[in-house]
Amino acid sequence: FISCYPNAGLPNPMSDTGFDETPEVTSRLLHEFAAEGLVNIVGGCCGTTPAHIGAIARSVNLLAPRGIGVAPLQREAA
């Protein structure tokens, strides 16, 4: 599985939330990764709020997750 749990930008003590990135920016960026089929799981880490998670969920709701491939079985040489 490949997950993407970004922060809400860099810490900024001058912002209202302590981070600069808005839910709209975060969800747009994660949407791009999901639309390219790069991730299975999305979420948020430091600085993300319920508004961020809601925006992320709405932006990827209709996209299929990254396919899970099966690695070929490797056998040792005799």
C-alpha atoms as a PDB file:
ATOM      1  CA  PHE A   1       0.000   0.000   0.000  1.00  0.00           C
ATOM      2  CA  ILE A   2       1.078   3.577  -0.607  1.00  0.00           C
ATOM      3  CA  SER A   3      -0.351   6.226   1.699  1.00  0.00           C
ATOM      4  CA  CYS A   4      -0.200  10.000   1.601  1.00  0.00           C
ATOM      5  CA  TYR A   5      -0.685  11.850   4.908  1.00  0.00           C
ATOM      6  CA  PRO A   6       0.658  15.374   4.400  1.00  0.00           C
ATOM      7  CA  ASN A   7       0.959  18.141   6.933  1.00  0.00           C
ATOM      8  CA  ALA A   8      -1.076  21.284   6.346  1.00  0.00           C
ATOM      9  CA  GLY A   9       2.019  23.067   5.089  1.00  0.00           C
ATOM     10  CA  LEU A  10       4.929  24.320   7.133  1.00  0.00           C
ATOM     11  CA  PRO A  11       4.349  25.469  10.712  1.00  0.00           C
ATOM     12  CA  ASN A  12       3.583  29.184  10.892  1.00  0.00           C
ATOM     13  CA  PRO A  13       2.957  30.683  14.327  1.00  0.00           C
ATOM     14  CA  MET A  14       1.515  33.791  12.646  1.00  0.00           C
ATOM     15  CA  SER A  15      -1.415  31.917  11.048  1.00  0.00           C
ATOM     16  CA  ASP A  16      -4.736  31.280  12.780  1.00  0.00           C
ATOM     17  CA  THR A  17      -4.263  27.500  12.749  1.00  0.00           C
ATOM     18  CA  GLY A  18      -0.477  27.300  13.095  1.00  0.00           C
ATOM     19  CA  PHE A  19      -0.182  26.068   9.493  1.00  0.00           C
ATOM     20  CA  ASP A  20      -0.656  27.845   6.164  1.00  0.00           C
ATOM     21  CA  GLU A  21      -2.237  25.270   3.868  1.00  0.00           C
ATOM     22  CA  THR A  22      -6.011  25.464   3.507  1.00  0.00           C
ATOM     23  CA  PRO A  23      -8.293  22.437   3.161  1.00  0.00           C
ATOM     24  CA  GLU A  24      -8.821  23.354  -0.503  1.00  0.00           C
ATOM     25  CA  VAL A  25      -5.097  23.351  -1.298  1.00  0.00           C
ATOM     26  CA  THR A  26      -4.467  20.097   0.573  1.00  0.00           C
ATOM     27  CA  SER A  27      -7.390  18.321  -1.098  1.00  0.00           C
ATOM     28  CA  ARG A  28      -6.401  19.552  -4.564  1.00  0.00           C
ATOM     29  CA  LEU A  29      -2.864  18.198  -4.178  1.00  0.00           C
ATOM     30  CA  LEU A  30      -4.042  14.831  -2.851  1.00  0.00           C
ATOM     31  CA  HIS A  31      -6.615  14.627  -5.639  1.00  0.00           C
ATOM     32  CA  GLU A  32      -3.790  14.891  -8.184  1.00  0.00           C
ATOM     33  CA  PHE A  33      -1.920  11.969  -6.586  1.00  0.00           C
ATOM     34  CA  ALA A  34      -5.072   9.847  -6.380  1.00  0.00           C
ATOM     35  CA  ALA A  35      -6.157  10.661  -9.946  1.00  0.00           C
ATOM     36  CA  GLU A  36      -2.760   9.447 -11.184  1.00  0.00           C
ATOM     37  CA  GLY A  37      -3.292   6.155  -9.343  1.00  0.00           C
ATOM     38  CA  LEU A  38      -0.330   6.738  -7.050  1.00  0.00           C
ATOM     39  CA  VAL A  39      -1.937   6.126  -3.634  1.00  0.00           C
ATOM     40  CA  ASN A  40      -4.175   3.630  -1.850  1.00  0.00           C
ATOM     41  CA  ILE A  41      -4.768   5.586   1.345  1.00  0.00           C
ATOM     42  CA  VAL A  42      -5.046   9.339   1.926  1.00  0.00           C
ATOM     43  CA  GLY A  43      -5.368  11.358   5.087  1.00  0.00           C
ATOM     44  CA  GLY A  44      -3.727  14.176   6.961  1.00  0.00           C
ATOM     45  CA  CYS A  45      -1.118  14.716   9.640  1.00  0.00           C
ATOM     46  CA  CYS A  46       0.102  17.745  11.567  1.00  0.00           C
ATOM     47  CA  GLY A  47      -2.022  20.838  11.176  1.00  0.00           C
ATOM     48  CA  THR A  48      -4.861  19.146   9.311  1.00  0.00           C
ATOM     49  CA  THR A  49      -8.327  19.702  10.715  1.00  0.00           C
ATOM     50  CA  PRO A  50     -11.687  17.993  10.229  1.00  0.00           C
ATOM     51  CA  ALA A  51     -12.236  20.521   7.415  1.00  0.00           C
ATOM     52  CA  HIS A  52      -9.063  19.276   5.698  1.00  0.00           C
ATOM     53  CA  ILE A  53     -10.109  15.628   6.023  1.00  0.00           C
ATOM     54  CA  GLY A  54     -13.609  16.407   4.730  1.00  0.00           C
ATOM     55  CA  ALA A  55     -12.210  18.252   1.710  1.00  0.00           C
ATOM     56  CA  ILE A  56      -9.784  15.393   1.012  1.00  0.00           C
ATOM     57  CA  ALA A  57     -12.579  12.816   1.247  1.00  0.00           C
ATOM     58  CA  ARG A  58     -14.799  14.767  -1.147  1.00  0.00           C
ATOM     59  CA  SER A  59     -11.955  15.257  -3.633  1.00  0.00           C
ATOM     60  CA  VAL A  60     -11.070  11.554  -3.908  1.00  0.00           C
ATOM     61  CA  ASN A  61     -14.481  10.007  -3.263  1.00  0.00           C
ATOM     62  CA  LEU A  62     -15.118   8.952  -6.865  1.00  0.00           C
ATOM     63  CA  LEU A  63     -11.550   7.890  -7.672  1.00  0.00           C
ATOM     64  CA  ALA A  64     -10.385   4.289  -7.614  1.00  0.00           C
ATOM     65  CA  PRO A  65      -7.507   3.503  -5.261  1.00  0.00           C
ATOM     66  CA  ARG A  66      -4.146   2.385  -6.600  1.00  0.00           C
ATOM     67  CA  GLY A  67      -4.252  -1.254  -7.652  1.00  0.00           C
ATOM     68  CA  ILE A  68      -2.540  -3.760  -5.425  1.00  0.00           C
ATOM     69  CA  GLY A  69      -0.135  -5.815  -7.486  1.00  0.00           C
ATOM     70  CA  VAL A  70       1.099  -9.270  -6.663  1.00  0.00           C
ATOM     71  CA  ALA A  71       4.862  -9.664  -6.543  1.00  0.00           C
ATOM     72  CA  PRO A  72       6.154 -12.682  -8.446  1.00  0.00           C
ATOM     73  CA  LEU A  73       7.388 -15.536  -6.313  1.00  0.00           C
ATOM     74  CA  GLN A  74      11.155 -15.743  -6.403  1.00  0.00           C
ATOM     75  CA  ARG A  75      12.804 -19.094  -5.978  1.00  0.00           C
ATOM     76  CA  GLU A  76      16.369 -19.769  -5.001  1.00  0.00           C
ATOM     77  CA  ALA A  77      18.589 -21.308  -7.651  1.00  0.00           C
ATOM     78  CA  ALA A  78      19.214 -25.007  -7.098  1.00  0.00           C
END
